[in-house]
Amino acid sequence: TQFASLLRSSGVGAAIKTGASNHYTIFVPTNAAFSQLPRGTISTMTGAQLKRLVQYHIVANRAIDVSAESTGTIEALSGDPLNFSLSASKIPMVGSAIVAGEYQGTNGIVYLISGVLLPPQKTR
């Protein structure tokens, strides 16, 4: 997937490899989610911006059960807040992305999501 490629190229994947002592929750956008981004969104990002983008999809030291999170905020690996909610029809969401699937990993949980989570703009 496109996210897997970004995980490797940003260097973030090496930090969370299988066998690491920490638990992680990773929100993986589908390839279709990447195709919905405006043209050039990813290709114009710097290395630091790509790393932050990938880190924004990861929560460290915690395996989150999104179906148990009705609403709330948790800090992503990037240091930015991730918002959780349930849609009107009780579908778990992270940011504006729908959680579409769940996979249990050896050191955490991977959720397939319908959108790419863009980190909030940094304020000066």
C-alpha atoms as a PDB file:
ATOM      1  CA  THR A   1       0.000   0.000   0.000  1.00  0.00           C
ATOM      2  CA  GLN A   2       0.972   3.621  -0.305  1.00  0.00           C
ATOM      3  CA  PHE A   3       1.007   3.975   3.479  1.00  0.00           C
ATOM      4  CA  ALA A   4       3.389   1.024   3.847  1.00  0.00           C
ATOM      5  CA  SER A   5       5.731   2.709   1.389  1.00  0.00           C
ATOM      6  CA  LEU A   6       5.617   5.962   3.379  1.00  0.00           C
ATOM      7  CA  LEU A   7       6.145   4.033   6.621  1.00  0.00           C
ATOM      8  CA  ARG A   8       9.369   2.564   5.212  1.00  0.00           C
ATOM      9  CA  SER A   9      10.679   5.653   3.412  1.00  0.00           C
ATOM     10  CA  SER A  10      10.065   7.972   6.391  1.00  0.00           C
ATOM     11  CA  GLY A  11      12.035   5.699   8.749  1.00  0.00           C
ATOM     12  CA  VAL A  12       9.080   5.430  11.122  1.00  0.00           C
ATOM     13  CA  GLY A  13       8.536   1.759  10.265  1.00  0.00           C
ATOM     14  CA  ALA A  14      11.953   0.782  11.598  1.00  0.00           C
ATOM     15  CA  ALA A  15      11.061   2.278  14.979  1.00  0.00           C
ATOM     16  CA  ILE A  16       7.892   0.212  15.349  1.00  0.00           C
ATOM     17  CA  LYS A  17       9.016  -3.066  13.808  1.00  0.00           C
ATOM     18  CA  THR A  18       7.630  -6.384  15.006  1.00  0.00           C
ATOM     19  CA  GLY A  19       9.179  -7.454  18.255  1.00  0.00           C
ATOM     20  CA  ALA A  20       9.424  -3.932  19.650  1.00  0.00           C
ATOM     21  CA  SER A  21       8.588  -3.791  23.338  1.00  0.00           C
ATOM     22  CA  ASN A  22       5.929  -1.104  22.948  1.00  0.00           C
ATOM     23  CA  HIS A  23       2.353  -1.523  21.766  1.00  0.00           C
ATOM     24  CA  TYR A  24       1.036   0.600  18.919  1.00  0.00           C
ATOM     25  CA  THR A  25      -2.224   1.531  17.307  1.00  0.00           C
ATOM     26  CA  ILE A  26      -1.784   2.301  13.622  1.00  0.00           C
ATOM     27  CA  PHE A  27      -4.444   3.872  11.423  1.00  0.00           C
ATOM     28  CA  VAL A  28      -3.725   2.835   7.826  1.00  0.00           C
ATOM     29  CA  PRO A  29      -5.473   4.772   5.060  1.00  0.00           C
ATOM     30  CA  THR A  30      -6.558   2.765   2.039  1.00  0.00           C
ATOM     31  CA  ASN A  31      -4.941   3.449  -1.329  1.00  0.00           C
ATOM     32  CA  ALA A  32      -8.306   4.903  -2.361  1.00  0.00           C
ATOM     33  CA  ALA A  33      -7.997   7.383   0.516  1.00  0.00           C
ATOM     34  CA  PHE A  34      -4.651   8.582  -0.854  1.00  0.00           C
ATOM     35  CA  SER A  35      -6.183   9.001  -4.310  1.00  0.00           C
ATOM     36  CA  GLN A  36      -8.803  11.355  -2.833  1.00  0.00           C
ATOM     37  CA  LEU A  37      -6.150  13.840  -1.696  1.00  0.00           C
ATOM     38  CA  PRO A  38      -5.640  16.912  -3.863  1.00  0.00           C
ATOM     39  CA  ARG A  39      -2.998  16.306  -6.533  1.00  0.00           C
ATOM     40  CA  GLY A  40       0.514  16.964  -5.216  1.00  0.00           C
ATOM     41  CA  THR A  41      -0.374  16.753  -1.513  1.00  0.00           C
ATOM     42  CA  ILE A  42       2.112  13.963  -0.817  1.00  0.00           C
ATOM     43  CA  SER A  43       4.646  14.659  -3.570  1.00  0.00           C
ATOM     44  CA  THR A  44       5.246  18.249  -2.421  1.00  0.00           C
ATOM     45  CA  MET A  45       5.851  17.341   1.225  1.00  0.00           C
ATOM     46  CA  THR A  46       9.346  17.553   2.670  1.00  0.00           C
ATOM     47  CA  GLY A  47      10.905  14.540   4.389  1.00  0.00           C
ATOM     48  CA  ALA A  48      10.051  16.027   7.784  1.00  0.00           C
ATOM     49  CA  GLN A  49       6.436  16.624   6.740  1.00  0.00           C
ATOM     50  CA  LEU A  50       6.096  13.051   5.452  1.00  0.00           C
ATOM     51  CA  LYS A  51       7.513  11.688   8.694  1.00  0.00           C
ATOM     52  CA  ARG A  52       5.026  13.769  10.703  1.00  0.00           C
ATOM     53  CA  LEU A  53       2.189  12.598   8.438  1.00  0.00           C
ATOM     54  CA  VAL A  54       3.079   8.953   9.075  1.00  0.00           C
ATOM     55  CA  GLN A  55       3.555   9.550  12.822  1.00  0.00           C
ATOM     56  CA  TYR A  56       0.130  11.219  12.938  1.00  0.00           C
ATOM     57  CA  HIS A  57      -1.395   7.841  12.033  1.00  0.00           C
ATOM     58  CA  ILE A  58       0.259   6.059  14.990  1.00  0.00           C
ATOM     59  CA  VAL A  59      -0.404   6.018  18.720  1.00  0.00           C
ATOM     60  CA  ALA A  60       2.492   4.645  20.777  1.00  0.00           C
ATOM     61  CA  ASN A  61       2.360   2.667  24.014  1.00  0.00           C
ATOM     62  CA  ARG A  62      -1.297   1.883  23.636  1.00  0.00           C
ATOM     63  CA  ALA A  63      -3.512  -0.595  21.803  1.00  0.00           C
ATOM     64  CA  ILE A  64      -6.750   1.358  21.373  1.00  0.00           C
ATOM     65  CA  ASP A  65     -10.161  -0.252  20.967  1.00  0.00           C
ATOM     66  CA  VAL A  66     -11.838   2.388  18.783  1.00  0.00           C
ATOM     67  CA  SER A  67     -15.273   0.866  19.278  1.00  0.00           C
ATOM     68  CA  ALA A  68     -14.923   1.624  23.016  1.00  0.00           C
ATOM     69  CA  GLU A  69     -13.938   5.273  22.375  1.00  0.00           C
ATOM     70  CA  SER A  70     -17.177   7.235  22.114  1.00  0.00           C
ATOM     71  CA  THR A  71     -15.437  10.591  21.904  1.00  0.00           C
ATOM     72  CA  GLY A  72     -12.113  11.917  22.968  1.00  0.00           C
ATOM     73  CA  THR A  73      -8.604  12.888  22.047  1.00  0.00           C
ATOM     74  CA  ILE A  74      -5.301  11.058  22.327  1.00  0.00           C
ATOM     75  CA  GLU A  75      -1.792  12.118  21.363  1.00  0.00           C
ATOM     76  CA  ALA A  76      -0.365  10.650  18.161  1.00  0.00           C
ATOM     77  CA  LEU A  77       3.302   9.711  17.790  1.00  0.00           C
ATOM     78  CA  SER A  78       3.740  13.069  16.009  1.00  0.00           C
ATOM     79  CA  GLY A  79       2.753  14.883  19.218  1.00  0.00           C
ATOM     80  CA  ASP A  80      -0.500  16.103  17.663  1.00  0.00           C
ATOM     81  CA  PRO A  81      -3.973  15.336  19.016  1.00  0.00           C
ATOM     82  CA  LEU A  82      -6.106  12.675  17.299  1.00  0.00           C
ATOM     83  CA  ASN A  83      -9.860  12.962  17.751  1.00  0.00           C
ATOM     84  CA  PHE A  84     -12.125   9.943  18.152  1.00  0.00           C
ATOM     85  CA  SER A  85     -15.885   9.858  17.790  1.00  0.00           C
ATOM     86  CA  LEU A  86     -18.826   7.705  16.826  1.00  0.00           C
ATOM     87  CA  SER A  87     -20.879   8.680  13.790  1.00  0.00           C
ATOM     88  CA  ALA A  88     -24.649   9.123  14.098  1.00  0.00           C
ATOM     89  CA  SER A  89     -24.980   5.459  13.118  1.00  0.00           C
ATOM     90  CA  LYS A  90     -22.411   4.418  15.788  1.00  0.00           C
ATOM     91  CA  ILE A  91     -19.541   3.806  13.351  1.00  0.00           C
ATOM     92  CA  PRO A  92     -16.113   4.467  14.936  1.00  0.00           C
ATOM     93  CA  MET A  93     -14.212   7.382  13.424  1.00  0.00           C
ATOM     94  CA  VAL A  94     -10.771   8.896  13.873  1.00  0.00           C
ATOM     95  CA  GLY A  95     -10.656  12.473  12.668  1.00  0.00           C
ATOM     96  CA  SER A  96     -13.008  12.519   9.673  1.00  0.00           C
ATOM     97  CA  ALA A  97     -12.065   8.970   8.589  1.00  0.00           C
ATOM     98  CA  ILE A  98     -14.308   5.970   9.085  1.00  0.00           C
ATOM     99  CA  VAL A  99     -12.712   2.914  10.681  1.00  0.00           C
ATOM    100  CA  ALA A 100     -13.356   0.232   8.066  1.00  0.00           C
ATOM    101  CA  GLY A 101     -11.431  -2.767   9.387  1.00  0.00           C
ATOM    102  CA  GLU A 102      -9.338  -4.060  12.262  1.00  0.00           C
ATOM    103  CA  TYR A 103      -6.310  -6.354  12.358  1.00  0.00           C
ATOM    104  CA  GLN A 104      -4.569  -7.600  15.489  1.00  0.00           C
ATOM    105  CA  GLY A 105      -0.766  -7.439  15.230  1.00  0.00           C
ATOM    106  CA  THR A 106       1.961  -8.876  17.408  1.00  0.00           C
ATOM    107  CA  ASN A 107       2.633  -5.515  19.048  1.00  0.00           C
ATOM    108  CA  GLY A 108      -0.651  -3.674  18.609  1.00  0.00           C
ATOM    109  CA  ILE A 109      -3.692  -3.061  16.471  1.00  0.00           C
ATOM    110  CA  VAL A 110      -3.955  -1.889  12.876  1.00  0.00           C
ATOM    111  CA  TYR A 111      -7.115  -0.139  11.728  1.00  0.00           C
ATOM    112  CA  LEU A 112      -7.950   0.369   8.076  1.00  0.00           C
ATOM    113  CA  ILE A 113      -9.426   3.859   7.614  1.00  0.00           C
ATOM    114  CA  SER A 114     -11.267   5.619   4.801  1.00  0.00           C
ATOM    115  CA  GLY A 115      -9.226   8.821   4.767  1.00  0.00           C
ATOM    116  CA  VAL A 116      -5.717  10.160   5.151  1.00  0.00           C
ATOM    117  CA  LEU A 117      -5.264  11.985   8.448  1.00  0.00           C
ATOM    118  CA  LEU A 118      -3.501  15.281   7.824  1.00  0.00           C
ATOM    119  CA  PRO A 119      -1.734  16.721  10.887  1.00  0.00           C
ATOM    120  CA  PRO A 120      -3.027  20.088  12.066  1.00  0.00           C
ATOM    121  CA  GLN A 121      -1.214  23.176  10.891  1.00  0.00           C
ATOM    122  CA  LYS A 122       1.512  24.256  13.295  1.00  0.00           C
ATOM    123  CA  THR A 123       0.842  27.652  14.831  1.00  0.00           C
ATOM    124  CA  ARG A 124       3.710  30.046  15.296  1.00  0.00           C
END
